Amino acid sequence: MKKVKITKLTELPDALHPNNIQEGFSKIGFIKREPTLGERFNVGSFSTSGVQEIIDSNTFKTYSSIYKWEVLEDNQDKTS
């Protein structure tokens, strides 16, 4: 699993859920998979609305916002 930090960069002018999450909000948690088109991105207990566009390797757009995410720790290659 990867430990990541997600940060809301901006809210879209036509946001599906306006004023729901403040710009600059960030959350640290574990993910099971990277942002995927058409699916919510889950970081720990936090969940975005459905991903509409992958802007670049660390930025994506949902129905309401644009988020940046970064890997803090990647335990996928570690063995016990």
PDB file of N, CA and C in Angstrom:
ATOM      1  N   MET A   1       0.839  -1.190   0.000  1.00  0.00           N
ATOM      2  CA  MET A   1       0.000   0.000   0.000  1.00  0.00           C
ATOM      3  C   MET A   1       0.876   1.242   0.000  1.00  0.00           C
ATOM      4  N   LYS A   2       0.320   2.294  -0.552  1.00  0.00           N
ATOM      5  CA  LYS A   2       1.040   3.561  -0.594  1.00  0.00           C
ATOM      6  C   LYS A   2       0.422   4.539   0.402  1.00  0.00           C
ATOM      7  N   LYS A   3       1.282   5.268   1.094  1.00  0.00           N
ATOM      8  CA  LYS A   3       0.836   6.357   1.961  1.00  0.00           C
ATOM      9  C   LYS A   3       0.968   7.635   1.143  1.00  0.00           C
ATOM     10  N   VAL A   4      -0.130   8.378   1.019  1.00  0.00           N
ATOM     11  CA  VAL A   4      -0.126   9.571   0.175  1.00  0.00           C
ATOM     12  C   VAL A   4      -0.715  10.770   0.904  1.00  0.00           C
ATOM     13  N   LYS A   5      -0.460  11.920   0.325  1.00  0.00           N
ATOM     14  CA  LYS A   5      -1.085  13.164   0.777  1.00  0.00           C
ATOM     15  C   LYS A   5      -1.874  13.708  -0.406  1.00  0.00           C
ATOM     16  N   ILE A   6      -3.139  14.048  -0.174  1.00  0.00           N
ATOM     17  CA  ILE A   6      -3.971  14.654  -1.203  1.00  0.00           C
ATOM     18  C   ILE A   6      -4.300  16.075  -0.749  1.00  0.00           C
ATOM     19  N   THR A   7      -4.267  17.014  -1.699  1.00  0.00           N
ATOM     20  CA  THR A   7      -4.555  18.417  -1.405  1.00  0.00           C
ATOM     21  C   THR A   7      -5.521  18.956  -2.449  1.00  0.00           C
ATOM     22  N   LYS A   8      -6.573  19.633  -1.990  1.00  0.00           N
ATOM     23  CA  LYS A   8      -7.507  20.276  -2.923  1.00  0.00           C
ATOM     24  C   LYS A   8      -6.879  21.579  -3.389  1.00  0.00           C
ATOM     25  N   LEU A   9      -6.649  21.690  -4.700  1.00  0.00           N
ATOM     26  CA  LEU A   9      -6.046  22.899  -5.259  1.00  0.00           C
ATOM     27  C   LEU A   9      -7.087  23.969  -5.518  1.00  0.00           C
ATOM     28  N   THR A  10      -8.195  23.575  -6.143  1.00  0.00           N
ATOM     29  CA  THR A  10      -9.220  24.557  -6.507  1.00  0.00           C
ATOM     30  C   THR A  10     -10.570  23.883  -6.662  1.00  0.00           C
ATOM     31  N   GLU A  11     -11.606  24.667  -6.525  1.00  0.00           N
ATOM     32  CA  GLU A  11     -12.966  24.194  -6.789  1.00  0.00           C
ATOM     33  C   GLU A  11     -13.365  24.653  -8.180  1.00  0.00           C
ATOM     34  N   LEU A  12     -14.033  23.795  -8.908  1.00  0.00           N
ATOM     35  CA  LEU A  12     -14.478  24.146 -10.252  1.00  0.00           C
ATOM     36  C   LEU A  12     -15.643  25.127 -10.202  1.00  0.00           C
ATOM     37  N   PRO A  13     -15.752  26.029 -11.184  1.00  0.00           N
ATOM     38  CA  PRO A  13     -16.851  27.002 -11.194  1.00  0.00           C
ATOM     39  C   PRO A  13     -18.225  26.323 -11.274  1.00  0.00           C
ATOM     40  N   ASP A  14     -18.274  25.151 -11.898  1.00  0.00           N
ATOM     41  CA  ASP A  14     -19.544  24.428 -12.031  1.00  0.00           C
ATOM     42  C   ASP A  14     -19.553  23.180 -11.138  1.00  0.00           C
ATOM     43  N   ALA A  15     -18.988  23.291  -9.943  1.00  0.00           N
ATOM     44  CA  ALA A  15     -18.846  22.162  -9.026  1.00  0.00           C
ATOM     45  C   ALA A  15     -20.184  21.478  -8.756  1.00  0.00           C
ATOM     46  N   LEU A  16     -20.162  20.154  -8.787  1.00  0.00           N
ATOM     47  CA  LEU A  16     -21.351  19.371  -8.481  1.00  0.00           C
ATOM     48  C   LEU A  16     -21.760  19.570  -7.023  1.00  0.00           C
ATOM     49  N   HIS A  17     -20.774  19.665  -6.137  1.00  0.00           N
ATOM     50  CA  HIS A  17     -21.011  19.898  -4.708  1.00  0.00           C
ATOM     51  C   HIS A  17     -20.239  21.151  -4.281  1.00  0.00           C
ATOM     52  N   PRO A  18     -20.771  22.351  -4.581  1.00  0.00           N
ATOM     53  CA  PRO A  18     -20.031  23.585  -4.272  1.00  0.00           C
ATOM     54  C   PRO A  18     -19.870  23.808  -2.766  1.00  0.00           C
ATOM     55  N   ASN A  19     -18.752  24.427  -2.415  1.00  0.00           N
ATOM     56  CA  ASN A  19     -18.447  24.796  -1.030  1.00  0.00           C
ATOM     57  C   ASN A  19     -18.457  23.603  -0.082  1.00  0.00           C
ATOM     58  N   ASN A  20     -18.137  22.437  -0.593  1.00  0.00           N
ATOM     59  CA  ASN A  20     -18.155  21.213   0.209  1.00  0.00           C
ATOM     60  C   ASN A  20     -16.850  21.027   0.979  1.00  0.00           C
ATOM     61  N   ILE A  21     -15.720  21.250   0.312  1.00  0.00           N
ATOM     62  CA  ILE A  21     -14.399  21.090   0.920  1.00  0.00           C
ATOM     63  C   ILE A  21     -13.586  22.341   0.596  1.00  0.00           C
ATOM     64  N   GLN A  22     -12.984  22.919   1.605  1.00  0.00           N
ATOM     65  CA  GLN A  22     -12.233  24.158   1.447  1.00  0.00           C
ATOM     66  C   GLN A  22     -10.973  23.947   0.606  1.00  0.00           C
ATOM     67  N   GLU A  23     -10.674  24.911  -0.264  1.00  0.00           N
ATOM     68  CA  GLU A  23      -9.428  24.862  -1.028  1.00  0.00           C
ATOM     69  C   GLU A  23      -8.256  24.865  -0.057  1.00  0.00           C
ATOM     70  N   GLY A  24      -7.245  24.069  -0.347  1.00  0.00           N
ATOM     71  CA  GLY A  24      -6.097  23.938   0.538  1.00  0.00           C
ATOM     72  C   GLY A  24      -6.215  22.783   1.513  1.00  0.00           C
ATOM     73  N   PHE A  25      -7.412  22.195   1.627  1.00  0.00           N
ATOM     74  CA  PHE A  25      -7.611  21.039   2.497  1.00  0.00           C
ATOM     75  C   PHE A  25      -6.669  19.922   2.082  1.00  0.00           C
ATOM     76  N   SER A  26      -6.061  19.252   3.059  1.00  0.00           N
ATOM     77  CA  SER A  26      -5.219  18.105   2.732  1.00  0.00           C
ATOM     78  C   SER A  26      -5.499  16.968   3.700  1.00  0.00           C
ATOM     79  N   LYS A  27      -5.210  15.772   3.240  1.00  0.00           N
ATOM     80  CA  LYS A  27      -5.443  14.555   4.017  1.00  0.00           C
ATOM     81  C   LYS A  27      -4.306  13.589   3.711  1.00  0.00           C
ATOM     82  N   ILE A  28      -3.812  12.922   4.735  1.00  0.00           N
ATOM     83  CA  ILE A  28      -2.796  11.895   4.574  1.00  0.00           C
ATOM     84  C   ILE A  28      -3.424  10.556   4.926  1.00  0.00           C
ATOM     85  N   GLY A  29      -3.170   9.567   4.093  1.00  0.00           N
ATOM     86  CA  GLY A  29      -3.708   8.235   4.348  1.00  0.00           C
ATOM     87  C   GLY A  29      -3.179   7.238   3.343  1.00  0.00           C
ATOM     88  N   PHE A  30      -3.693   6.036   3.435  1.00  0.00           N
ATOM     89  CA  PHE A  30      -3.254   4.959   2.555  1.00  0.00           C
ATOM     90  C   PHE A  30      -4.239   4.769   1.414  1.00  0.00           C
ATOM     91  N   ILE A  31      -3.709   4.380   0.252  1.00  0.00           N
ATOM     92  CA  ILE A  31      -4.551   4.103  -0.917  1.00  0.00           C
ATOM     93  C   ILE A  31      -4.328   2.671  -1.375  1.00  0.00           C
ATOM     94  N   LYS A  32      -5.358   2.119  -1.984  1.00  0.00           N
ATOM     95  CA  LYS A  32      -5.246   0.788  -2.583  1.00  0.00           C
ATOM     96  C   LYS A  32      -4.923   0.895  -4.061  1.00  0.00           C
ATOM     97  N   ARG A  33      -5.344   2.020  -4.687  1.00  0.00           N
ATOM     98  CA  ARG A  33      -5.049   2.229  -6.108  1.00  0.00           C
ATOM     99  C   ARG A  33      -4.985   3.719  -6.399  1.00  0.00           C
ATOM    100  N   GLU A  34      -4.292   4.041  -7.476  1.00  0.00           N
ATOM    101  CA  GLU A  34      -4.123   5.433  -7.892  1.00  0.00           C
ATOM    102  C   GLU A  34      -5.433   5.953  -8.485  1.00  0.00           C
ATOM    103  N   PRO A  35      -5.558   7.282  -8.662  1.00  0.00           N
ATOM    104  CA  PRO A  35      -6.786   7.823  -9.248  1.00  0.00           C
ATOM    105  C   PRO A  35      -7.121   7.140 -10.574  1.00  0.00           C
ATOM    106  N   THR A  36      -8.380   6.772 -10.732  1.00  0.00           N
ATOM    107  CA  THR A  36      -8.849   6.046 -11.902  1.00  0.00           C
ATOM    108  C   THR A  36     -10.089   6.736 -12.459  1.00  0.00           C
ATOM    109  N   LEU A  37     -10.111   6.953 -13.774  1.00  0.00           N
ATOM    110  CA  LEU A  37     -11.266   7.622 -14.390  1.00  0.00           C
ATOM    111  C   LEU A  37     -12.567   6.927 -14.014  1.00  0.00           C
ATOM    112  N   GLY A  38     -13.558   7.739 -13.653  1.00  0.00           N
ATOM    113  CA  GLY A  38     -14.888   7.242 -13.339  1.00  0.00           C
ATOM    114  C   GLY A  38     -15.061   6.713 -11.932  1.00  0.00           C
ATOM    115  N   GLU A  39     -13.992   6.680 -11.151  1.00  0.00           N
ATOM    116  CA  GLU A  39     -14.072   6.153  -9.787  1.00  0.00           C
ATOM    117  C   GLU A  39     -13.705   7.225  -8.773  1.00  0.00           C
ATOM    118  N   ARG A  40     -14.213   7.060  -7.562  1.00  0.00           N
ATOM    119  CA  ARG A  40     -13.804   7.930  -6.460  1.00  0.00           C
ATOM    120  C   ARG A  40     -12.364   7.588  -6.097  1.00  0.00           C
ATOM    121  N   PHE A  41     -11.625   8.587  -5.624  1.00  0.00           N
ATOM    122  CA  PHE A  41     -10.266   8.351  -5.147  1.00  0.00           C
ATOM    123  C   PHE A  41     -10.334   8.356  -3.630  1.00  0.00           C
ATOM    124  N   ASN A  42      -9.979   7.234  -3.021  1.00  0.00           N
ATOM    125  CA  ASN A  42     -10.079   7.067  -1.576  1.00  0.00           C
ATOM    126  C   ASN A  42      -8.700   7.146  -0.935  1.00  0.00           C
ATOM    127  N   VAL A  43      -8.583   8.063   0.017  1.00  0.00           N
ATOM    128  CA  VAL A  43      -7.354   8.221   0.803  1.00  0.00           C
ATOM    129  C   VAL A  43      -7.763   8.033   2.260  1.00  0.00           C
ATOM    130  N   GLY A  44      -7.449   6.867   2.821  1.00  0.00           N
ATOM    131  CA  GLY A  44      -7.927   6.560   4.166  1.00  0.00           C
ATOM    132  C   GLY A  44      -9.438   6.601   4.172  1.00  0.00           C
ATOM    133  N   SER A  45     -10.024   7.382   5.071  1.00  0.00           N
ATOM    134  CA  SER A  45     -11.482   7.502   5.167  1.00  0.00           C
ATOM    135  C   SER A  45     -12.035   8.617   4.278  1.00  0.00           C
ATOM    136  N   PHE A  46     -11.169   9.373   3.614  1.00  0.00           N
ATOM    137  CA  PHE A  46     -11.595  10.473   2.744  1.00  0.00           C
ATOM    138  C   PHE A  46     -11.818   9.965   1.326  1.00  0.00           C
ATOM    139  N   SER A  47     -12.863  10.480   0.686  1.00  0.00           N
ATOM    140  CA  SER A  47     -13.185  10.069  -0.679  1.00  0.00           C
ATOM    141  C   SER A  47     -13.581  11.279  -1.509  1.00  0.00           C
ATOM    142  N   THR A  48     -13.008  11.386  -2.708  1.00  0.00           N
ATOM    143  CA  THR A  48     -13.411  12.461  -3.620  1.00  0.00           C
ATOM    144  C   THR A  48     -14.658  12.021  -4.379  1.00  0.00           C
ATOM    145  N   SER A  49     -15.215  12.928  -5.147  1.00  0.00           N
ATOM    146  CA  SER A  49     -16.240  12.519  -6.106  1.00  0.00           C
ATOM    147  C   SER A  49     -15.528  11.835  -7.273  1.00  0.00           C
ATOM    148  N   GLY A  50     -16.266  11.343  -8.228  1.00  0.00           N
ATOM    149  CA  GLY A  50     -15.681  10.579  -9.324  1.00  0.00           C
ATOM    150  C   GLY A  50     -14.628  11.346 -10.102  1.00  0.00           C
ATOM    151  N   VAL A  51     -13.548  10.672 -10.448  1.00  0.00           N
ATOM    152  CA  VAL A  51     -12.457  11.269 -11.220  1.00  0.00           C
ATOM    153  C   VAL A  51     -12.920  11.426 -12.673  1.00  0.00           C
ATOM    154  N   GLN A  52     -12.834  12.650 -13.187  1.00  0.00           N
ATOM    155  CA  GLN A  52     -13.270  12.960 -14.540  1.00  0.00           C
ATOM    156  C   GLN A  52     -12.122  13.098 -15.535  1.00  0.00           C
ATOM    157  N   GLU A  53     -10.947  13.471 -15.026  1.00  0.00           N
ATOM    158  CA  GLU A  53      -9.796  13.685 -15.910  1.00  0.00           C
ATOM    159  C   GLU A  53      -8.507  13.518 -15.123  1.00  0.00           C
ATOM    160  N   ILE A  54      -7.545  12.825 -15.704  1.00  0.00           N
ATOM    161  CA  ILE A  54      -6.199  12.748 -15.144  1.00  0.00           C
ATOM    162  C   ILE A  54      -5.401  13.840 -15.854  1.00  0.00           C
ATOM    163  N   ILE A  55      -5.039  14.885 -15.126  1.00  0.00           N
ATOM    164  CA  ILE A  55      -4.349  16.034 -15.719  1.00  0.00           C
ATOM    165  C   ILE A  55      -2.875  15.709 -15.952  1.00  0.00           C
ATOM    166  N   ASP A  56      -2.223  15.158 -14.935  1.00  0.00           N
ATOM    167  CA  ASP A  56      -0.849  14.666 -15.064  1.00  0.00           C
ATOM    168  C   ASP A  56      -0.652  13.593 -14.016  1.00  0.00           C
ATOM    169  N   SER A  57       0.559  13.138 -13.803  1.00  0.00           N
ATOM    170  CA  SER A  57       0.793  11.998 -12.923  1.00  0.00           C
ATOM    171  C   SER A  57       0.441  12.270 -11.461  1.00  0.00           C
ATOM    172  N   ASN A  58       0.284  13.522 -11.073  1.00  0.00           N
ATOM    173  CA  ASN A  58      -0.036  13.844  -9.688  1.00  0.00           C
ATOM    174  C   ASN A  58      -1.227  14.783  -9.525  1.00  0.00           C
ATOM    175  N   THR A  59      -1.970  15.038 -10.594  1.00  0.00           N
ATOM    176  CA  THR A  59      -3.085  15.973 -10.529  1.00  0.00           C
ATOM    177  C   THR A  59      -4.272  15.404 -11.286  1.00  0.00           C
ATOM    178  N   PHE A  60      -5.467  15.556 -10.702  1.00  0.00           N
ATOM    179  CA  PHE A  60      -6.664  15.060 -11.371  1.00  0.00           C
ATOM    180  C   PHE A  60      -7.860  15.954 -11.064  1.00  0.00           C
ATOM    181  N   LYS A  61      -8.881  15.839 -11.907  1.00  0.00           N
ATOM    182  CA  LYS A  61     -10.098  16.635 -11.779  1.00  0.00           C
ATOM    183  C   LYS A  61     -11.268  15.706 -11.461  1.00  0.00           C
ATOM    184  N   THR A  62     -12.104  16.133 -10.507  1.00  0.00           N
ATOM    185  CA  THR A  62     -13.321  15.398 -10.168  1.00  0.00           C
ATOM    186  C   THR A  62     -14.517  16.209 -10.676  1.00  0.00           C
ATOM    187  N   TYR A  63     -15.722  15.830 -10.277  1.00  0.00           N
ATOM    188  CA  TYR A  63     -16.922  16.588 -10.628  1.00  0.00           C
ATOM    189  C   TYR A  63     -16.920  17.982 -10.004  1.00  0.00           C
ATOM    190  N   SER A  64     -16.141  18.170  -8.937  1.00  0.00           N
ATOM    191  CA  SER A  64     -16.202  19.433  -8.203  1.00  0.00           C
ATOM    192  C   SER A  64     -14.876  20.162  -8.052  1.00  0.00           C
ATOM    193  N   SER A  65     -13.762  19.458  -8.161  1.00  0.00           N
ATOM    194  CA  SER A  65     -12.486  20.048  -7.755  1.00  0.00           C
ATOM    195  C   SER A  65     -11.313  19.530  -8.569  1.00  0.00           C
ATOM    196  N   ILE A  66     -10.185  20.194  -8.351  1.00  0.00           N
ATOM    197  CA  ILE A  66      -8.908  19.705  -8.865  1.00  0.00           C
ATOM    198  C   ILE A  66      -8.038  19.408  -7.653  1.00  0.00           C
ATOM    199  N   TYR A  67      -7.455  18.208  -7.652  1.00  0.00           N
ATOM    200  CA  TYR A  67      -6.630  17.730  -6.543  1.00  0.00           C
ATOM    201  C   TYR A  67      -5.229  17.387  -7.019  1.00  0.00           C
ATOM    202  N   LYS A  68      -4.286  17.543  -6.088  1.00  0.00           N
ATOM    203  CA  LYS A  68      -2.913  17.080  -6.295  1.00  0.00           C
ATOM    204  C   LYS A  68      -2.670  16.001  -5.244  1.00  0.00           C
ATOM    205  N   TRP A  69      -1.953  14.953  -5.634  1.00  0.00           N
ATOM    206  CA  TRP A  69      -1.606  13.924  -4.668  1.00  0.00           C
ATOM    207  C   TRP A  69      -0.142  13.570  -4.812  1.00  0.00           C
ATOM    208  N   GLU A  70       0.468  13.148  -3.710  1.00  0.00           N
ATOM    209  CA  GLU A  70       1.879  12.783  -3.729  1.00  0.00           C
ATOM    210  C   GLU A  70       2.114  11.579  -2.837  1.00  0.00           C
ATOM    211  N   VAL A  71       2.990  10.703  -3.275  1.00  0.00           N
ATOM    212  CA  VAL A  71       3.328   9.508  -2.511  1.00  0.00           C
ATOM    213  C   VAL A  71       4.321   9.904  -1.413  1.00  0.00           C
ATOM    214  N   LEU A  72       3.981   9.560  -0.176  1.00  0.00           N
ATOM    215  CA  LEU A  72       4.866   9.809   0.957  1.00  0.00           C
ATOM    216  C   LEU A  72       5.687   8.567   1.289  1.00  0.00           C
ATOM    217  N   GLU A  73       5.066   7.394   1.089  1.00  0.00           N
ATOM    218  CA  GLU A  73       5.738   6.138   1.393  1.00  0.00           C
ATOM    219  C   GLU A  73       5.112   5.042   0.543  1.00  0.00           C
ATOM    220  N   ASP A  74       5.952   4.210  -0.041  1.00  0.00           N
ATOM    221  CA  ASP A  74       5.464   3.117  -0.877  1.00  0.00           C
ATOM    222  C   ASP A  74       5.941   1.797  -0.287  1.00  0.00           C
ATOM    223  N   ASN A  75       5.012   1.052   0.290  1.00  0.00           N
ATOM    224  CA  ASN A  75       5.356  -0.224   0.937  1.00  0.00           C
ATOM    225  C   ASN A  75       5.153  -1.409   0.004  1.00  0.00           C
ATOM    226  N   GLN A  76       4.830  -1.183  -1.249  1.00  0.00           N
ATOM    227  CA  GLN A  76       4.531  -2.278  -2.169  1.00  0.00           C
ATOM    228  C   GLN A  76       5.735  -3.148  -2.446  1.00  0.00           C
ATOM    229  N   ASP A  77       6.911  -2.593  -2.416  1.00  0.00           N
ATOM    230  CA  ASP A  77       8.112  -3.356  -2.753  1.00  0.00           C
ATOM    231  C   ASP A  77       8.800  -3.953  -1.533  1.00  0.00           C
ATOM    232  N   LYS A  78       8.293  -3.646  -0.338  1.00  0.00           N
ATOM    233  CA  LYS A  78       8.925  -4.151   0.882  1.00  0.00           C
ATOM    234  C   LYS A  78       8.381  -5.544   1.210  1.00  0.00           C
ATOM    235  N   THR A  79       9.245  -6.385   1.712  1.00  0.00           N
ATOM    236  CA  THR A  79       8.818  -7.729   2.127  1.00  0.00           C
ATOM    237  C   THR A  79       8.911  -7.841   3.631  1.00  0.00           C
ATOM    238  N   SER A  80       8.094  -8.683   4.190  1.00  0.00           N
ATOM    239  CA  SER A  80       8.076  -8.847   5.647  1.00  0.00           C
ATOM    240  C   SER A  80       9.118  -9.841   6.092  1.00  0.00           C
TER     241      SER A  80
END
